Amino acid sequence: NHKVVPPRRVEMKGDMESLIHHFKLYTEGYCVPEGEAYAAVEAPKGE
C-alpha cells in the first residue's frame, strides 16, 4: 500500500507516480482515520 509504505527505489527511478508517492509520504505523511488506539509491548524494562 503505497499510501503507507514507500515504493522501492528501483520503482521510483522509472515511474513518476512512485516518485510522487515517495515524496508525498515523507513530506506530508498520511491521514489516519479518527479514533484512538493504545498499543503496548513488553520492553526490556517493562510495559
All heavy atoms as atom14 arrays in JSON, in Angstrom:
{
  "sequence": "NHKVVPPRRVEMKGDMESLIHHFKLYTEGYCVPEGEAYAAVEAPKGE",
  "atom14_mask": [
    [1, 1, 1, 1, 1, 1, 1, 1, 0, 0, 0, 0, 0, 0],
    [1, 1, 1, 1, 1, 1, 1, 1, 1, 1, 0, 0, 0, 0],
    [1, 1, 1, 1, 1, 1, 1, 1, 1, 0, 0, 0, 0, 0],
    [1, 1, 1, 1, 1, 1, 1, 0, 0, 0, 0, 0, 0, 0],
    [1, 1, 1, 1, 1, 1, 1, 0, 0, 0, 0, 0, 0, 0],
    [1, 1, 1, 1, 1, 1, 1, 0, 0, 0, 0, 0, 0, 0],
    [1, 1, 1, 1, 1, 1, 1, 0, 0, 0, 0, 0, 0, 0],
    [1, 1, 1, 1, 1, 1, 1, 1, 1, 1, 1, 0, 0, 0],
    [1, 1, 1, 1, 1, 1, 1, 1, 1, 1, 1, 0, 0, 0],
    [1, 1, 1, 1, 1, 1, 1, 0, 0, 0, 0, 0, 0, 0],
    [1, 1, 1, 1, 1, 1, 1, 1, 1, 0, 0, 0, 0, 0],
    [1, 1, 1, 1, 1, 1, 1, 1, 0, 0, 0, 0, 0, 0],
    [1, 1, 1, 1, 1, 1, 1, 1, 1, 0, 0, 0, 0, 0],
    [1, 1, 1, 1, 0, 0, 0, 0, 0, 0, 0, 0, 0, 0],
    [1, 1, 1, 1, 1, 1, 1, 1, 0, 0, 0, 0, 0, 0],
    [1, 1, 1, 1, 1, 1, 1, 1, 0, 0, 0, 0, 0, 0],
    [1, 1, 1, 1, 1, 1, 1, 1, 1, 0, 0, 0, 0, 0],
    [1, 1, 1, 1, 1, 1, 0, 0, 0, 0, 0, 0, 0, 0],
    [1, 1, 1, 1, 1, 1, 1, 1, 0, 0, 0, 0, 0, 0],
    [1, 1, 1, 1, 1, 1, 1, 1, 0, 0, 0, 0, 0, 0],
    [1, 1, 1, 1, 1, 1, 1, 1, 1, 1, 0, 0, 0, 0],
    [1, 1, 1, 1, 1, 1, 1, 1, 1, 1, 0, 0, 0, 0],
    [1, 1, 1, 1, 1, 1, 1, 1, 1, 1, 1, 0, 0, 0],
    [1, 1, 1, 1, 1, 1, 1, 1, 1, 0, 0, 0, 0, 0],
    [1, 1, 1, 1, 1, 1, 1, 1, 0, 0, 0, 0, 0, 0],
    [1, 1, 1, 1, 1, 1, 1, 1, 1, 1, 1, 1, 0, 0],
    [1, 1, 1, 1, 1, 1, 1, 0, 0, 0, 0, 0, 0, 0],
    [1, 1, 1, 1, 1, 1, 1, 1, 1, 0, 0, 0, 0, 0],
    [1, 1, 1, 1, 0, 0, 0, 0, 0, 0, 0, 0, 0, 0],
    [1, 1, 1, 1, 1, 1, 1, 1, 1, 1, 1, 1, 0, 0],
    [1, 1, 1, 1, 1, 1, 0, 0, 0, 0, 0, 0, 0, 0],
    [1, 1, 1, 1, 1, 1, 1, 0, 0, 0, 0, 0, 0, 0],
    [1, 1, 1, 1, 1, 1, 1, 0, 0, 0, 0, 0, 0, 0],
    [1, 1, 1, 1, 1, 1, 1, 1, 1, 0, 0, 0, 0, 0],
    [1, 1, 1, 1, 0, 0, 0, 0, 0, 0, 0, 0, 0, 0],
    [1, 1, 1, 1, 1, 1, 1, 1, 1, 0, 0, 0, 0, 0],
    [1, 1, 1, 1, 1, 0, 0, 0, 0, 0, 0, 0, 0, 0],
    [1, 1, 1, 1, 1, 1, 1, 1, 1, 1, 1, 1, 0, 0],
    [1, 1, 1, 1, 1, 0, 0, 0, 0, 0, 0, 0, 0, 0],
    [1, 1, 1, 1, 1, 0, 0, 0, 0, 0, 0, 0, 0, 0],
    [1, 1, 1, 1, 1, 1, 1, 0, 0, 0, 0, 0, 0, 0],
    [1, 1, 1, 1, 1, 1, 1, 1, 1, 0, 0, 0, 0, 0],
    [1, 1, 1, 1, 1, 0, 0, 0, 0, 0, 0, 0, 0, 0],
    [1, 1, 1, 1, 1, 1, 1, 0, 0, 0, 0, 0, 0, 0],
    [1, 1, 1, 1, 1, 1, 1, 1, 1, 0, 0, 0, 0, 0],
    [1, 1, 1, 1, 0, 0, 0, 0, 0, 0, 0, 0, 0, 0],
    [1, 1, 1, 1, 1, 1, 1, 1, 1, 0, 0, 0, 0, 0]
  ],
  "atom14_positions": [
    [[0.86, -1.18, 0.0], [0.0, 0.0, 0.0], [0.9, 1.24, 0.0], [1.45, 1.62, 1.02], [-0.9, -0.01, 1.25], [-1.81, 1.2, 1.31], [-1.71, 2.13, 0.5], [-2.72, 1.22, 2.27], [0.0, 0.0, 0.0], [0.0, 0.0, 0.0], [0.0, 0.0, 0.0], [0.0, 0.0, 0.0], [0.0, 0.0, 0.0], [0.0, 0.0, 0.0]],
    [[1.07, 1.86, -1.15], [2.0, 2.98, -1.28], [1.5, 4.26, -0.62], [2.22, 5.26, -0.61], [2.33, 3.23, -2.76], [3.19, 2.17, -3.35], [3.97, 1.32, -2.58], [3.41, 1.8, -4.64], [4.62, 0.49, -3.37], [4.3, 0.76, -4.62], [0.0, 0.0, 0.0], [0.0, 0.0, 0.0], [0.0, 0.0, 0.0], [0.0, 0.0, 0.0]],
    [[0.28, 4.23, -0.08], [-0.18, 5.38, 0.71], [0.46, 5.36, 2.1], [0.49, 6.37, 2.8], [-1.71, 5.37, 0.85], [-2.46, 5.49, -0.46], [-2.22, 6.83, -1.13], [-3.07, 6.96, -2.41], [-2.74, 8.19, -3.15], [0.0, 0.0, 0.0], [0.0, 0.0, 0.0], [0.0, 0.0, 0.0], [0.0, 0.0, 0.0], [0.0, 0.0, 0.0]],
    [[0.93, 4.17, 2.5], [1.51, 4.0, 3.84], [2.97, 3.59, 3.76], [3.81, 4.06, 4.53], [0.71, 2.93, 4.64], [1.32, 2.71, 6.02], [-0.74, 3.34, 4.76], [0.0, 0.0, 0.0], [0.0, 0.0, 0.0], [0.0, 0.0, 0.0], [0.0, 0.0, 0.0], [0.0, 0.0, 0.0], [0.0, 0.0, 0.0], [0.0, 0.0, 0.0]],
    [[3.29, 2.71, 2.82], [4.66, 2.19, 2.67], [5.27, 2.78, 1.41], [4.65, 2.74, 0.34], [4.63, 0.64, 2.58], [6.03, 0.09, 2.35], [4.04, 0.06, 3.86], [0.0, 0.0, 0.0], [0.0, 0.0, 0.0], [0.0, 0.0, 0.0], [0.0, 0.0, 0.0], [0.0, 0.0, 0.0], [0.0, 0.0, 0.0], [0.0, 0.0, 0.0]],
    [[6.47, 3.33, 1.48], [7.07, 3.94, 0.28], [7.38, 2.9, -0.79], [7.7, 1.74, -0.47], [8.36, 4.57, 0.81], [8.68, 3.81, 2.05], [7.36, 3.42, 2.65], [0.0, 0.0, 0.0], [0.0, 0.0, 0.0], [0.0, 0.0, 0.0], [0.0, 0.0, 0.0], [0.0, 0.0, 0.0], [0.0, 0.0, 0.0], [0.0, 0.0, 0.0]],
    [[7.31, 3.27, -2.06], [7.69, 2.34, -3.14], [9.18, 2.06, -3.09], [9.96, 2.84, -2.53], [7.3, 3.1, -4.41], [7.27, 4.53, -4.02], [6.89, 4.58, -2.58], [0.0, 0.0, 0.0], [0.0, 0.0, 0.0], [0.0, 0.0, 0.0], [0.0, 0.0, 0.0], [0.0, 0.0, 0.0], [0.0, 0.0, 0.0], [0.0, 0.0, 0.0]],
    [[9.58, 0.96, -3.71], [11.0, 0.62, -3.75], [11.77, 1.61, -4.62], [11.21, 2.18, -5.56], [11.18, -0.8, -4.29], [10.6, -1.89, -3.37], [10.89, -3.27, -3.91], [10.38, -3.42, -5.27], [10.92, -4.23, -6.18], [11.98, -4.94, -5.89], [10.39, -4.32, -7.38], [0.0, 0.0, 0.0], [0.0, 0.0, 0.0], [0.0, 0.0, 0.0]],
    [[13.03, 1.79, -4.3], [13.83, 2.77, -5.05], [13.94, 2.42, -6.53], [13.96, 3.31, -7.38], [15.23, 2.87, -4.44], [15.23, 3.61, -3.11], [16.58, 4.12, -2.72], [16.49, 4.96, -1.54], [16.21, 6.25, -1.56], [15.98, 6.85, -2.71], [16.15, 6.95, -0.45], [0.0, 0.0, 0.0], [0.0, 0.0, 0.0], [0.0, 0.0, 0.0]],
    [[13.98, 1.13, -6.83], [14.1, 0.73, -8.24], [12.84, 1.16, -9.02], [12.91, 1.49, -10.2], [14.35, -0.79, -8.34], [13.14, -1.6, -7.87], [14.75, -1.18, -9.75], [0.0, 0.0, 0.0], [0.0, 0.0, 0.0], [0.0, 0.0, 0.0], [0.0, 0.0, 0.0], [0.0, 0.0, 0.0], [0.0, 0.0, 0.0], [0.0, 0.0, 0.0]],
    [[11.68, 1.17, -8.34], [10.45, 1.61, -8.99], [10.46, 3.13, -9.18], [10.02, 3.65, -10.21], [9.24, 1.22, -8.15], [9.03, -0.29, -8.02], [7.95, -0.63, -7.01], [7.28, 0.31, -6.51], [7.76, -1.83, -6.72], [0.0, 0.0, 0.0], [0.0, 0.0, 0.0], [0.0, 0.0, 0.0], [0.0, 0.0, 0.0], [0.0, 0.0, 0.0]],
    [[10.98, 3.85, -8.18], [10.99, 5.31, -8.25], [11.79, 5.83, -9.43], [11.48, 6.86, -10.01], [11.59, 5.9, -6.97], [10.69, 5.79, -5.76], [11.61, 6.05, -4.25], [12.58, 7.48, -4.68], [0.0, 0.0, 0.0], [0.0, 0.0, 0.0], [0.0, 0.0, 0.0], [0.0, 0.0, 0.0], [0.0, 0.0, 0.0], [0.0, 0.0, 0.0]],
    [[12.85, 5.1, -9.8], [13.74, 5.59, -10.86], [13.11, 5.51, -12.25], [13.55, 6.19, -13.18], [15.04, 4.8, -10.83], [15.88, 5.15, -9.6], [17.12, 4.31, -9.48], [17.92, 4.7, -8.25], [19.09, 3.85, -8.03], [0.0, 0.0, 0.0], [0.0, 0.0, 0.0], [0.0, 0.0, 0.0], [0.0, 0.0, 0.0], [0.0, 0.0, 0.0]],
    [[12.05, 4.69, -12.41], [11.46, 4.56, -13.73], [9.99, 4.9, -13.78], [9.37, 4.8, -14.84], [0.0, 0.0, 0.0], [0.0, 0.0, 0.0], [0.0, 0.0, 0.0], [0.0, 0.0, 0.0], [0.0, 0.0, 0.0], [0.0, 0.0, 0.0], [0.0, 0.0, 0.0], [0.0, 0.0, 0.0], [0.0, 0.0, 0.0], [0.0, 0.0, 0.0]],
    [[9.4, 5.3, -12.63], [7.95, 5.52, -12.59], [7.66, 6.82, -11.84], [7.92, 6.93, -10.64], [7.28, 4.33, -11.9], [5.78, 4.49, -11.8], [5.22, 5.21, -12.63], [5.19, 3.89, -10.88], [0.0, 0.0, 0.0], [0.0, 0.0, 0.0], [0.0, 0.0, 0.0], [0.0, 0.0, 0.0], [0.0, 0.0, 0.0], [0.0, 0.0, 0.0]],
    [[7.1, 7.79, -12.54], [6.83, 9.1, -11.94], [5.83, 9.0, -10.78], [5.95, 9.68, -9.77], [6.31, 10.06, -13.01], [5.96, 11.45, -12.47], [7.34, 12.25, -11.64], [8.33, 12.72, -13.04], [0.0, 0.0, 0.0], [0.0, 0.0, 0.0], [0.0, 0.0, 0.0], [0.0, 0.0, 0.0], [0.0, 0.0, 0.0], [0.0, 0.0, 0.0]],
    [[4.83, 8.13, -10.93], [3.83, 8.0, -9.88], [4.46, 7.49, -8.58], [4.12, 7.96, -7.49], [2.71, 7.04, -10.32], [1.52, 7.05, -9.38], [0.35, 6.22, -9.88], [0.3, 5.93, -11.09], [-0.5, 5.87, -9.06], [0.0, 0.0, 0.0], [0.0, 0.0, 0.0], [0.0, 0.0, 0.0], [0.0, 0.0, 0.0], [0.0, 0.0, 0.0]],
    [[5.39, 6.55, -8.68], [6.08, 6.04, -7.49], [6.9, 7.15, -6.84], [6.95, 7.27, -5.61], [7.01, 4.88, -7.87], [6.26, 3.79, -8.35], [0.0, 0.0, 0.0], [0.0, 0.0, 0.0], [0.0, 0.0, 0.0], [0.0, 0.0, 0.0], [0.0, 0.0, 0.0], [0.0, 0.0, 0.0], [0.0, 0.0, 0.0], [0.0, 0.0, 0.0]],
    [[7.54, 7.98, -7.65], [8.33, 9.08, -7.13], [7.45, 10.07, -6.38], [7.8, 10.56, -5.3], [9.05, 9.79, -8.28], [10.02, 10.91, -7.9], [11.17, 10.38, -7.06], [10.56, 11.6, -9.15], [0.0, 0.0, 0.0], [0.0, 0.0, 0.0], [0.0, 0.0, 0.0], [0.0, 0.0, 0.0], [0.0, 0.0, 0.0], [0.0, 0.0, 0.0]],
    [[6.26, 10.33, -6.92], [5.32, 11.26, -6.27], [4.86, 10.67, -4.94], [4.79, 11.37, -3.92], [4.13, 11.57, -7.19], [4.61, 12.38, -8.4], [3.03, 12.32, -6.44], [3.57, 12.52, -9.51], [0.0, 0.0, 0.0], [0.0, 0.0, 0.0], [0.0, 0.0, 0.0], [0.0, 0.0, 0.0], [0.0, 0.0, 0.0], [0.0, 0.0, 0.0]],
    [[4.51, 9.36, -4.95], [4.09, 8.69, -3.71], [5.19, 8.83, -2.65], [4.91, 9.14, -1.48], [3.82, 7.21, -3.97], [2.41, 6.93, -4.39], [1.32, 7.26, -3.61], [1.9, 6.33, -5.5], [0.21, 6.89, -4.23], [0.53, 6.32, -5.38], [0.0, 0.0, 0.0], [0.0, 0.0, 0.0], [0.0, 0.0, 0.0], [0.0, 0.0, 0.0]],
    [[6.41, 8.59, -3.04], [7.54, 8.65, -2.1], [7.68, 10.07, -1.53], [7.83, 10.26, -0.31], [8.83, 8.23, -2.82], [10.02, 8.12, -1.92], [10.78, 9.21, -1.57], [10.57, 7.05, -1.29], [11.76, 8.82, -0.77], [11.65, 7.52, -0.58], [0.0, 0.0, 0.0], [0.0, 0.0, 0.0], [0.0, 0.0, 0.0], [0.0, 0.0, 0.0]],
    [[7.62, 11.07, -2.4], [7.78, 12.45, -1.97], [6.67, 12.87, -1.0], [6.93, 13.45, 0.06], [7.79, 13.36, -3.2], [7.9, 14.82, -2.87], [9.12, 15.38, -2.51], [6.77, 15.64, -2.91], [9.22, 16.73, -2.19], [6.87, 16.99, -2.59], [8.1, 17.52, -2.24], [0.0, 0.0, 0.0], [0.0, 0.0, 0.0], [0.0, 0.0, 0.0]],
    [[5.42, 12.57, -1.37], [4.3, 12.97, -0.53], [4.31, 12.21, 0.8], [3.93, 12.76, 1.84], [2.98, 12.75, -1.27], [2.76, 13.74, -2.4], [1.43, 13.54, -3.08], [0.25, 13.95, -2.22], [0.2, 15.4, -1.98], [0.0, 0.0, 0.0], [0.0, 0.0, 0.0], [0.0, 0.0, 0.0], [0.0, 0.0, 0.0], [0.0, 0.0, 0.0]],
    [[4.74, 10.95, 0.78], [4.75, 10.15, 2.0], [5.72, 10.73, 3.03], [5.41, 10.8, 4.22], [5.13, 8.7, 1.68], [5.06, 7.71, 2.84], [3.63, 7.57, 3.33], [5.57, 6.35, 2.42], [0.0, 0.0, 0.0], [0.0, 0.0, 0.0], [0.0, 0.0, 0.0], [0.0, 0.0, 0.0], [0.0, 0.0, 0.0], [0.0, 0.0, 0.0]],
    [[6.89, 11.16, 2.57], [7.9, 11.64, 3.51], [7.79, 13.12, 3.83], [8.46, 13.61, 4.74], [9.31, 11.32, 2.99], [9.66, 9.87, 3.24], [9.69, 8.96, 2.18], [9.92, 9.41, 4.51], [9.98, 7.62, 2.4], [10.22, 8.09, 4.75], [10.25, 7.19, 3.7], [10.54, 5.87, 3.93], [0.0, 0.0, 0.0], [0.0, 0.0, 0.0]],
    [[6.95, 13.84, 3.12], [6.74, 15.25, 3.45], [5.41, 15.46, 4.17], [5.37, 16.09, 5.24], [6.78, 16.13, 2.19], [5.86, 15.6, 1.22], [8.17, 16.16, 1.6], [0.0, 0.0, 0.0], [0.0, 0.0, 0.0], [0.0, 0.0, 0.0], [0.0, 0.0, 0.0], [0.0, 0.0, 0.0], [0.0, 0.0, 0.0], [0.0, 0.0, 0.0]],
    [[4.33, 14.93, 3.62], [3.01, 15.11, 4.21], [2.59, 13.96, 5.11], [1.74, 14.11, 5.98], [1.96, 15.27, 3.11], [2.14, 16.5, 2.25], [1.09, 16.58, 1.17], [0.14, 15.77, 1.19], [1.21, 17.45, 0.29], [0.0, 0.0, 0.0], [0.0, 0.0, 0.0], [0.0, 0.0, 0.0], [0.0, 0.0, 0.0], [0.0, 0.0, 0.0]],
    [[3.16, 12.77, 4.89], [2.71, 11.59, 5.63], [1.4, 11.08, 5.08], [1.12, 11.18, 3.89], [0.0, 0.0, 0.0], [0.0, 0.0, 0.0], [0.0, 0.0, 0.0], [0.0, 0.0, 0.0], [0.0, 0.0, 0.0], [0.0, 0.0, 0.0], [0.0, 0.0, 0.0], [0.0, 0.0, 0.0], [0.0, 0.0, 0.0], [0.0, 0.0, 0.0]],
    [[0.55, 10.56, 5.97], [-0.75, 10.01, 5.56], [-1.77, 10.38, 6.62], [-1.47, 10.55, 7.8], [-0.68, 8.48, 5.41], [0.24, 7.82, 6.41], [-0.14, 7.62, 7.73], [1.52, 7.43, 6.03], [0.71, 7.04, 8.65], [2.39, 6.86, 6.95], [1.97, 6.66, 8.26], [2.83, 6.11, 9.17], [0.0, 0.0, 0.0], [0.0, 0.0, 0.0]],
    [[-3.01, 10.53, 6.18], [-4.1, 10.84, 7.11], [-4.6, 9.55, 7.74], [-4.82, 8.55, 7.05], [-5.24, 11.56, 6.39], [-4.78, 13.23, 5.89], [0.0, 0.0, 0.0], [0.0, 0.0, 0.0], [0.0, 0.0, 0.0], [0.0, 0.0, 0.0], [0.0, 0.0, 0.0], [0.0, 0.0, 0.0], [0.0, 0.0, 0.0], [0.0, 0.0, 0.0]],
    [[-4.77, 9.59, 9.05], [-5.2, 8.42, 9.81], [-6.65, 8.62, 10.22], [-7.04, 9.72, 10.64], [-4.29, 8.25, 11.06], [-4.83, 7.2, 12.0], [-2.88, 7.91, 10.62], [0.0, 0.0, 0.0], [0.0, 0.0, 0.0], [0.0, 0.0, 0.0], [0.0, 0.0, 0.0], [0.0, 0.0, 0.0], [0.0, 0.0, 0.0], [0.0, 0.0, 0.0]],
    [[-7.5, 7.61, 10.07], [-8.92, 7.77, 10.44], [-9.11, 8.23, 11.89], [-8.28, 7.94, 12.75], [-9.5, 6.35, 10.23], [-8.56, 5.68, 9.29], [-7.21, 6.26, 9.55], [0.0, 0.0, 0.0], [0.0, 0.0, 0.0], [0.0, 0.0, 0.0], [0.0, 0.0, 0.0], [0.0, 0.0, 0.0], [0.0, 0.0, 0.0], [0.0, 0.0, 0.0]],
    [[-10.19, 8.93, 12.14], [-10.48, 9.37, 13.5], [-10.6, 8.17, 14.43], [-11.11, 7.12, 14.04], [-11.79, 10.16, 13.53], [-11.69, 11.56, 12.97], [-12.96, 12.35, 13.19], [-13.57, 12.19, 14.28], [-13.35, 13.1, 12.29], [0.0, 0.0, 0.0], [0.0, 0.0, 0.0], [0.0, 0.0, 0.0], [0.0, 0.0, 0.0], [0.0, 0.0, 0.0]],
    [[-10.15, 8.35, 15.65], [-10.25, 7.27, 16.63], [-9.12, 7.35, 17.63], [-8.35, 8.32, 17.67], [0.0, 0.0, 0.0], [0.0, 0.0, 0.0], [0.0, 0.0, 0.0], [0.0, 0.0, 0.0], [0.0, 0.0, 0.0], [0.0, 0.0, 0.0], [0.0, 0.0, 0.0], [0.0, 0.0, 0.0], [0.0, 0.0, 0.0], [0.0, 0.0, 0.0]],
    [[-9.02, 6.33, 18.45], [-7.95, 6.26, 19.45], [-7.47, 4.82, 19.54], [-8.22, 3.87, 19.27], [-8.44, 6.75, 20.82], [-9.66, 6.01, 21.34], [-10.2, 6.59, 22.63], [-9.5, 7.41, 23.25], [-11.33, 6.22, 23.03], [0.0, 0.0, 0.0], [0.0, 0.0, 0.0], [0.0, 0.0, 0.0], [0.0, 0.0, 0.0], [0.0, 0.0, 0.0]],
    [[-6.2, 4.66, 19.89], [-5.63, 3.31, 20.0], [-4.52, 3.32, 21.03], [-3.79, 4.31, 21.19], [-5.07, 2.86, 18.64], [0.0, 0.0, 0.0], [0.0, 0.0, 0.0], [0.0, 0.0, 0.0], [0.0, 0.0, 0.0], [0.0, 0.0, 0.0], [0.0, 0.0, 0.0], [0.0, 0.0, 0.0], [0.0, 0.0, 0.0], [0.0, 0.0, 0.0]],
    [[-4.43, 2.21, 21.76], [-3.33, 2.01, 22.7], [-2.64, 0.7, 22.33], [-3.3, -0.32, 22.12], [-3.85, 1.92, 24.15], [-2.74, 1.63, 25.16], [-1.86, 2.63, 25.55], [-2.59, 0.36, 25.71], [-0.85, 2.38, 26.46], [-1.58, 0.1, 26.62], [-0.71, 1.11, 27.0], [0.3, 0.86, 27.9], [0.0, 0.0, 0.0], [0.0, 0.0, 0.0]],
    [[-1.33, 0.76, 22.22], [-0.55, -0.44, 21.93], [0.59, -0.51, 22.93], [1.24, 0.5, 23.21], [-0.01, -0.41, 20.51], [0.0, 0.0, 0.0], [0.0, 0.0, 0.0], [0.0, 0.0, 0.0], [0.0, 0.0, 0.0], [0.0, 0.0, 0.0], [0.0, 0.0, 0.0], [0.0, 0.0, 0.0], [0.0, 0.0, 0.0], [0.0, 0.0, 0.0]],
    [[0.82, -1.69, 23.47], [1.88, -1.87, 24.47], [2.72, -3.07, 24.1], [2.23, -4.06, 23.54], [1.27, -2.07, 25.86], [0.0, 0.0, 0.0], [0.0, 0.0, 0.0], [0.0, 0.0, 0.0], [0.0, 0.0, 0.0], [0.0, 0.0, 0.0], [0.0, 0.0, 0.0], [0.0, 0.0, 0.0], [0.0, 0.0, 0.0], [0.0, 0.0, 0.0]],
    [[4.0, -2.97, 24.4], [4.93, -4.08, 24.19], [5.64, -4.39, 25.49], [5.74, -3.53, 26.38], [5.98, -3.76, 23.08], [5.3, -3.48, 21.76], [6.87, -2.59, 23.49], [0.0, 0.0, 0.0], [0.0, 0.0, 0.0], [0.0, 0.0, 0.0], [0.0, 0.0, 0.0], [0.0, 0.0, 0.0], [0.0, 0.0, 0.0], [0.0, 0.0, 0.0]],
    [[6.13, -5.61, 25.6], [6.95, -6.0, 26.75], [8.38, -5.57, 26.44], [9.19, -6.34, 25.94], [6.86, -7.52, 26.99], [7.56, -7.98, 28.26], [6.89, -7.47, 29.53], [5.65, -7.36, 29.58], [7.64, -7.2, 30.48], [0.0, 0.0, 0.0], [0.0, 0.0, 0.0], [0.0, 0.0, 0.0], [0.0, 0.0, 0.0], [0.0, 0.0, 0.0]],
    [[8.66, -4.3, 26.72], [10.01, -3.77, 26.52], [10.94, -4.35, 27.59], [10.47, -4.91, 28.59], [9.99, -2.25, 26.59], [0.0, 0.0, 0.0], [0.0, 0.0, 0.0], [0.0, 0.0, 0.0], [0.0, 0.0, 0.0], [0.0, 0.0, 0.0], [0.0, 0.0, 0.0], [0.0, 0.0, 0.0], [0.0, 0.0, 0.0], [0.0, 0.0, 0.0]],
    [[12.25, -4.25, 27.4], [13.18, -4.84, 28.39], [13.0, -4.34, 29.81], [13.25, -5.07, 30.77], [14.56, -4.44, 27.84], [14.34, -4.28, 26.37], [12.96, -3.74, 26.22], [0.0, 0.0, 0.0], [0.0, 0.0, 0.0], [0.0, 0.0, 0.0], [0.0, 0.0, 0.0], [0.0, 0.0, 0.0], [0.0, 0.0, 0.0], [0.0, 0.0, 0.0]],
    [[12.52, -3.09, 29.97], [12.36, -2.53, 31.31], [10.96, -2.71, 31.87], [10.72, -2.46, 33.05], [12.72, -1.03, 31.29], [14.19, -0.78, 31.01], [14.48, 0.7, 30.82], [15.96, 0.95, 30.67], [16.56, 0.27, 29.51], [0.0, 0.0, 0.0], [0.0, 0.0, 0.0], [0.0, 0.0, 0.0], [0.0, 0.0, 0.0], [0.0, 0.0, 0.0]],
    [[10.01, -3.13, 31.02], [8.63, -3.29, 31.46], [7.68, -2.92, 30.33], [8.06, -2.9, 29.16], [0.0, 0.0, 0.0], [0.0, 0.0, 0.0], [0.0, 0.0, 0.0], [0.0, 0.0, 0.0], [0.0, 0.0, 0.0], [0.0, 0.0, 0.0], [0.0, 0.0, 0.0], [0.0, 0.0, 0.0], [0.0, 0.0, 0.0], [0.0, 0.0, 0.0]],
    [[6.44, -2.61, 30.69], [5.43, -2.29, 29.67], [5.65, -0.89, 29.12], [5.5, 0.11, 29.84], [4.02, -2.4, 30.25], [2.94, -2.06, 29.24], [1.53, -2.15, 29.79], [1.31, -2.95, 30.73], [0.65, -1.44, 29.28], [0.0, 0.0, 0.0], [0.0, 0.0, 0.0], [0.0, 0.0, 0.0], [0.0, 0.0, 0.0], [0.0, 0.0, 0.0]]
  ]
}
